[in-house]
Amino acid sequence: MPDRVLLEDIHLKFTVPGRTADPAREAPRRTLNGRAFRSALRRRVVQLVRSTPALARVRLTISA
């Protein structure tokens, strides 16, 4: 019997319209890859999981 079993693997996708000019794509890309956004996203995901009683025994792994 394995020590842990994967329940779910969730991915987020961020898209922009295909006709968006390169400079206009870079601003959201920099934001998404920035330390501040990643930290805020991580904090909110952890907060949500911890506030959900059914997930009390779930181990959460967040990777970039």
PDB file of N, CA and C in Angstrom:
ATOM      1  N   MET A   1       0.853  -1.178   0.000  1.00  0.00           N
ATOM      2  CA  MET A   1       0.000   0.000   0.000  1.00  0.00           C
ATOM      3  C   MET A   1       0.894   1.235   0.000  1.00  0.00           C
ATOM      4  N   PRO A   2       0.702   2.153  -0.947  1.00  0.00           N
ATOM      5  CA  PRO A   2       1.535   3.360  -0.991  1.00  0.00           C
ATOM      6  C   PRO A   2       1.264   4.279   0.200  1.00  0.00           C
ATOM      7  N   ASP A   3       2.276   5.065   0.553  1.00  0.00           N
ATOM      8  CA  ASP A   3       2.150   6.014   1.661  1.00  0.00           C
ATOM      9  C   ASP A   3       1.163   7.125   1.317  1.00  0.00           C
ATOM     10  N   ARG A   4       1.155   7.566   0.068  1.00  0.00           N
ATOM     11  CA  ARG A   4       0.265   8.639  -0.400  1.00  0.00           C
ATOM     12  C   ARG A   4      -0.326   8.249  -1.739  1.00  0.00           C
ATOM     13  N   VAL A   5      -1.548   8.721  -1.997  1.00  0.00           N
ATOM     14  CA  VAL A   5      -2.245   8.470  -3.261  1.00  0.00           C
ATOM     15  C   VAL A   5      -2.636   9.822  -3.851  1.00  0.00           C
ATOM     16  N   LEU A   6      -2.337  10.025  -5.124  1.00  0.00           N
ATOM     17  CA  LEU A   6      -2.694  11.267  -5.794  1.00  0.00           C
ATOM     18  C   LEU A   6      -4.201  11.315  -6.011  1.00  0.00           C
ATOM     19  N   LEU A   7      -4.847  12.344  -5.467  1.00  0.00           N
ATOM     20  CA  LEU A   7      -6.287  12.516  -5.640  1.00  0.00           C
ATOM     21  C   LEU A   7      -6.601  13.362  -6.861  1.00  0.00           C
ATOM     22  N   GLU A   8      -5.845  14.436  -7.032  1.00  0.00           N
ATOM     23  CA  GLU A   8      -6.137  15.371  -8.116  1.00  0.00           C
ATOM     24  C   GLU A   8      -4.885  16.166  -8.443  1.00  0.00           C
ATOM     25  N   ASP A   9      -4.735  16.502  -9.711  1.00  0.00           N
ATOM     26  CA  ASP A   9      -3.633  17.321 -10.186  1.00  0.00           C
ATOM     27  C   ASP A   9      -4.276  18.456 -10.988  1.00  0.00           C
ATOM     28  N   ILE A  10      -4.249  19.658 -10.458  1.00  0.00           N
ATOM     29  CA  ILE A  10      -4.971  20.781 -11.051  1.00  0.00           C
ATOM     30  C   ILE A  10      -3.975  21.751 -11.678  1.00  0.00           C
ATOM     31  N   HIS A  11      -4.262  22.165 -12.899  1.00  0.00           N
ATOM     32  CA  HIS A  11      -3.416  23.121 -13.616  1.00  0.00           C
ATOM     33  C   HIS A  11      -4.212  24.388 -13.906  1.00  0.00           C
ATOM     34  N   LEU A  12      -3.533  25.512 -13.940  1.00  0.00           N
ATOM     35  CA  LEU A  12      -4.151  26.772 -14.334  1.00  0.00           C
ATOM     36  C   LEU A  12      -3.586  27.169 -15.692  1.00  0.00           C
ATOM     37  N   LYS A  13      -4.440  27.655 -16.565  1.00  0.00           N
ATOM     38  CA  LYS A  13      -3.995  28.163 -17.857  1.00  0.00           C
ATOM     39  C   LYS A  13      -4.413  29.611 -17.973  1.00  0.00           C
ATOM     40  N   PHE A  14      -3.483  30.444 -18.370  1.00  0.00           N
ATOM     41  CA  PHE A  14      -3.746  31.849 -18.603  1.00  0.00           C
ATOM     42  C   PHE A  14      -3.526  32.101 -20.087  1.00  0.00           C
ATOM     43  N   THR A  15      -4.511  32.658 -20.760  1.00  0.00           N
ATOM     44  CA  THR A  15      -4.387  32.897 -22.194  1.00  0.00           C
ATOM     45  C   THR A  15      -4.687  34.350 -22.523  1.00  0.00           C
ATOM     46  N   VAL A  16      -4.163  34.794 -23.647  1.00  0.00           N
ATOM     47  CA  VAL A  16      -4.492  36.099 -24.217  1.00  0.00           C
ATOM     48  C   VAL A  16      -4.935  35.847 -25.650  1.00  0.00           C
ATOM     49  N   PRO A  17      -5.701  36.764 -26.231  1.00  0.00           N
ATOM     50  CA  PRO A  17      -6.108  36.569 -27.615  1.00  0.00           C
ATOM     51  C   PRO A  17      -4.890  36.399 -28.533  1.00  0.00           C
ATOM     52  N   GLY A  18      -5.020  35.559 -29.528  1.00  0.00           N
ATOM     53  CA  GLY A  18      -3.919  35.257 -30.442  1.00  0.00           C
ATOM     54  C   GLY A  18      -3.387  36.465 -31.187  1.00  0.00           C
ATOM     55  N   ARG A  19      -4.201  37.452 -31.385  1.00  0.00           N
ATOM     56  CA  ARG A  19      -3.776  38.641 -32.130  1.00  0.00           C
ATOM     57  C   ARG A  19      -3.121  39.695 -31.252  1.00  0.00           C
ATOM     58  N   THR A  20      -2.915  39.386 -29.994  1.00  0.00           N
ATOM     59  CA  THR A  20      -2.286  40.341 -29.079  1.00  0.00           C
ATOM     60  C   THR A  20      -0.828  40.547 -29.490  1.00  0.00           C
ATOM     61  N   ALA A  21      -0.429  41.802 -29.584  1.00  0.00           N
ATOM     62  CA  ALA A  21       0.951  42.129 -29.971  1.00  0.00           C
ATOM     63  C   ALA A  21       1.928  41.638 -28.901  1.00  0.00           C
ATOM     64  N   ASP A  22       3.150  41.339 -29.325  1.00  0.00           N
ATOM     65  CA  ASP A  22       4.169  40.827 -28.402  1.00  0.00           C
ATOM     66  C   ASP A  22       4.368  41.701 -27.167  1.00  0.00           C
ATOM     67  N   PRO A  23       4.496  43.029 -27.304  1.00  0.00           N
ATOM     68  CA  PRO A  23       4.679  43.845 -26.092  1.00  0.00           C
ATOM     69  C   PRO A  23       3.497  43.735 -25.121  1.00  0.00           C
ATOM     70  N   ALA A  24       2.288  43.597 -25.653  1.00  0.00           N
ATOM     71  CA  ALA A  24       1.110  43.477 -24.793  1.00  0.00           C
ATOM     72  C   ALA A  24       1.036  42.110 -24.120  1.00  0.00           C
ATOM     73  N   ARG A  25       1.707  41.128 -24.664  1.00  0.00           N
ATOM     74  CA  ARG A  25       1.763  39.795 -24.038  1.00  0.00           C
ATOM     75  C   ARG A  25       2.764  39.764 -22.898  1.00  0.00           C
ATOM     76  N   GLU A  26       3.785  40.587 -22.999  1.00  0.00           N
ATOM     77  CA  GLU A  26       4.855  40.544 -22.020  1.00  0.00           C
ATOM     78  C   GLU A  26       4.439  41.048 -20.645  1.00  0.00           C
ATOM     79  N   ALA A  27       3.580  42.047 -20.580  1.00  0.00           N
ATOM     80  CA  ALA A  27       3.157  42.574 -19.275  1.00  0.00           C
ATOM     81  C   ALA A  27       2.473  41.502 -18.428  1.00  0.00           C
ATOM     82  N   PRO A  28       1.458  40.794 -18.963  1.00  0.00           N
ATOM     83  CA  PRO A  28       0.864  39.737 -18.134  1.00  0.00           C
ATOM     84  C   PRO A  28       1.837  38.587 -17.864  1.00  0.00           C
ATOM     85  N   ARG A  29       2.707  38.296 -18.805  1.00  0.00           N
ATOM     86  CA  ARG A  29       3.688  37.218 -18.597  1.00  0.00           C
ATOM     87  C   ARG A  29       4.628  37.576 -17.441  1.00  0.00           C
ATOM     88  N   ARG A  30       5.099  38.827 -17.400  1.00  0.00           N
ATOM     89  CA  ARG A  30       5.967  39.257 -16.306  1.00  0.00           C
ATOM     90  C   ARG A  30       5.229  39.189 -14.976  1.00  0.00           C
ATOM     91  N   THR A  31       3.961  39.593 -14.983  1.00  0.00           N
ATOM     92  CA  THR A  31       3.170  39.543 -13.752  1.00  0.00           C
ATOM     93  C   THR A  31       3.012  38.107 -13.273  1.00  0.00           C
ATOM     94  N   LEU A  32       2.632  37.202 -14.169  1.00  0.00           N
ATOM     95  CA  LEU A  32       2.420  35.800 -13.795  1.00  0.00           C
ATOM     96  C   LEU A  32       3.698  35.124 -13.309  1.00  0.00           C
ATOM     97  N   ASN A  33       4.825  35.518 -13.854  1.00  0.00           N
ATOM     98  CA  ASN A  33       6.100  34.927 -13.465  1.00  0.00           C
ATOM     99  C   ASN A  33       6.769  35.674 -12.318  1.00  0.00           C
ATOM    100  N   GLY A  34       6.163  36.762 -11.891  1.00  0.00           N
ATOM    101  CA  GLY A  34       6.756  37.570 -10.825  1.00  0.00           C
ATOM    102  C   GLY A  34       6.604  36.941  -9.451  1.00  0.00           C
ATOM    103  N   ARG A  35       7.536  37.259  -8.609  1.00  0.00           N
ATOM    104  CA  ARG A  35       7.553  36.718  -7.243  1.00  0.00           C
ATOM    105  C   ARG A  35       6.316  37.113  -6.456  1.00  0.00           C
ATOM    106  N   ALA A  36       5.867  38.356  -6.605  1.00  0.00           N
ATOM    107  CA  ALA A  36       4.713  38.837  -5.836  1.00  0.00           C
ATOM    108  C   ALA A  36       3.443  38.069  -6.199  1.00  0.00           C
ATOM    109  N   PHE A  37       3.214  37.868  -7.494  1.00  0.00           N
ATOM    110  CA  PHE A  37       2.015  37.141  -7.916  1.00  0.00           C
ATOM    111  C   PHE A  37       2.079  35.692  -7.454  1.00  0.00           C
ATOM    112  N   ARG A  38       3.206  35.048  -7.657  1.00  0.00           N
ATOM    113  CA  ARG A  38       3.344  33.637  -7.267  1.00  0.00           C
ATOM    114  C   ARG A  38       3.164  33.449  -5.767  1.00  0.00           C
ATOM    115  N   SER A  39       3.715  34.364  -4.991  1.00  0.00           N
ATOM    116  CA  SER A  39       3.571  34.281  -3.535  1.00  0.00           C
ATOM    117  C   SER A  39       2.120  34.466  -3.113  1.00  0.00           C
ATOM    118  N   ALA A  40       1.449  35.447  -3.721  1.00  0.00           N
ATOM    119  CA  ALA A  40       0.040  35.698  -3.394  1.00  0.00           C
ATOM    120  C   ALA A  40      -0.822  34.501  -3.788  1.00  0.00           C
ATOM    121  N   LEU A  41      -0.559  33.930  -4.946  1.00  0.00           N
ATOM    122  CA  LEU A  41      -1.321  32.764  -5.402  1.00  0.00           C
ATOM    123  C   LEU A  41      -1.118  31.593  -4.445  1.00  0.00           C
ATOM    124  N   ARG A  42       0.113  31.361  -4.068  1.00  0.00           N
ATOM    125  CA  ARG A  42       0.425  30.269  -3.132  1.00  0.00           C
ATOM    126  C   ARG A  42      -0.294  30.481  -1.795  1.00  0.00           C
ATOM    127  N   ARG A  43      -0.225  31.706  -1.247  1.00  0.00           N
ATOM    128  CA  ARG A  43      -0.890  31.995   0.027  1.00  0.00           C
ATOM    129  C   ARG A  43      -2.391  31.750  -0.051  1.00  0.00           C
ATOM    130  N   ARG A  44      -3.010  32.182  -1.135  1.00  0.00           N
ATOM    131  CA  ARG A  44      -4.463  32.034  -1.256  1.00  0.00           C
ATOM    132  C   ARG A  44      -4.877  30.580  -1.441  1.00  0.00           C
ATOM    133  N   VAL A  45      -4.103  29.819  -2.181  1.00  0.00           N
ATOM    134  CA  VAL A  45      -4.424  28.399  -2.353  1.00  0.00           C
ATOM    135  C   VAL A  45      -4.298  27.678  -1.012  1.00  0.00           C
ATOM    136  N   VAL A  46      -3.230  27.932  -0.296  1.00  0.00           N
ATOM    137  CA  VAL A  46      -3.037  27.311   1.021  1.00  0.00           C
ATOM    138  C   VAL A  46      -4.174  27.718   1.958  1.00  0.00           C
ATOM    139  N   GLN A  47      -4.528  28.992   1.944  1.00  0.00           N
ATOM    140  CA  GLN A  47      -5.626  29.485   2.792  1.00  0.00           C
ATOM    141  C   GLN A  47      -6.936  28.767   2.452  1.00  0.00           C
ATOM    142  N   LEU A  48      -7.221  28.610   1.191  1.00  0.00           N
ATOM    143  CA  LEU A  48      -8.448  27.939   0.773  1.00  0.00           C
ATOM    144  C   LEU A  48      -8.461  26.479   1.207  1.00  0.00           C
ATOM    145  N   VAL A  49      -7.362  25.784   1.010  1.00  0.00           N
ATOM    146  CA  VAL A  49      -7.293  24.372   1.404  1.00  0.00           C
ATOM    147  C   VAL A  49      -7.441  24.227   2.913  1.00  0.00           C
ATOM    148  N   ARG A  50      -6.759  25.075   3.668  1.00  0.00           N
ATOM    149  CA  ARG A  50      -6.839  24.997   5.127  1.00  0.00           C
ATOM    150  C   ARG A  50      -8.219  25.345   5.662  1.00  0.00           C
ATOM    151  N   SER A  51      -8.974  26.151   4.931  1.00  0.00           N
ATOM    152  CA  SER A  51     -10.309  26.555   5.395  1.00  0.00           C
ATOM    153  C   SER A  51     -11.397  25.558   5.008  1.00  0.00           C
ATOM    154  N   THR A  52     -11.006  24.472   4.349  1.00  0.00           N
ATOM    155  CA  THR A  52     -11.963  23.467   3.896  1.00  0.00           C
ATOM    156  C   THR A  52     -11.779  22.201   4.735  1.00  0.00           C
ATOM    157  N   PRO A  53     -12.693  21.930   5.669  1.00  0.00           N
ATOM    158  CA  PRO A  53     -12.530  20.797   6.583  1.00  0.00           C
ATOM    159  C   PRO A  53     -12.319  19.446   5.886  1.00  0.00           C
ATOM    160  N   ALA A  54     -12.956  19.224   4.775  1.00  0.00           N
ATOM    161  CA  ALA A  54     -12.816  17.934   4.083  1.00  0.00           C
ATOM    162  C   ALA A  54     -11.390  17.708   3.577  1.00  0.00           C
ATOM    163  N   LEU A  55     -10.597  18.773   3.512  1.00  0.00           N
ATOM    164  CA  LEU A  55      -9.221  18.659   3.011  1.00  0.00           C
ATOM    165  C   LEU A  55      -8.180  18.672   4.137  1.00  0.00           C
ATOM    166  N   ALA A  56      -8.629  18.481   5.351  1.00  0.00           N
ATOM    167  CA  ALA A  56      -7.737  18.565   6.512  1.00  0.00           C
ATOM    168  C   ALA A  56      -6.569  17.582   6.436  1.00  0.00           C
ATOM    169  N   ARG A  57      -6.775  16.413   5.869  1.00  0.00           N
ATOM    170  CA  ARG A  57      -5.722  15.392   5.828  1.00  0.00           C
ATOM    171  C   ARG A  57      -4.970  15.368   4.515  1.00  0.00           C
ATOM    172  N   VAL A  58      -5.284  16.320   3.640  1.00  0.00           N
ATOM    173  CA  VAL A  58      -4.646  16.371   2.319  1.00  0.00           C
ATOM    174  C   VAL A  58      -3.312  17.089   2.407  1.00  0.00           C
ATOM    175  N   ARG A  59      -2.294  16.527   1.794  1.00  0.00           N
ATOM    176  CA  ARG A  59      -0.995  17.190   1.690  1.00  0.00           C
ATOM    177  C   ARG A  59      -0.979  17.940   0.357  1.00  0.00           C
ATOM    178  N   LEU A  60      -0.675  19.217   0.415  1.00  0.00           N
ATOM    179  CA  LEU A  60      -0.688  20.075  -0.758  1.00  0.00           C
ATOM    180  C   LEU A  60       0.736  20.323  -1.230  1.00  0.00           C
ATOM    181  N   THR A  61       0.986  20.155  -2.512  1.00  0.00           N
ATOM    182  CA  THR A  61       2.275  20.467  -3.110  1.00  0.00           C
ATOM    183  C   THR A  61       2.028  21.485  -4.212  1.00  0.00           C
ATOM    184  N   ILE A  62       2.711  22.612  -4.121  1.00  0.00           N
ATOM    185  CA  ILE A  62       2.588  23.653  -5.141  1.00  0.00           C
ATOM    186  C   ILE A  62       3.948  23.808  -5.804  1.00  0.00           C
ATOM    187  N   SER A  63       3.945  23.726  -7.124  1.00  0.00           N
ATOM    188  CA  SER A  63       5.201  23.893  -7.867  1.00  0.00           C
ATOM    189  C   SER A  63       4.968  24.853  -9.017  1.00  0.00           C
ATOM    190  N   ALA A  64       6.034  25.459  -9.450  1.00  0.00           N
ATOM    191  CA  ALA A  64       5.942  26.415 -10.551  1.00  0.00           C
ATOM    192  C   ALA A  64       6.369  25.776 -11.853  1.00  0.00           C
TER     193      ALA A  64
END
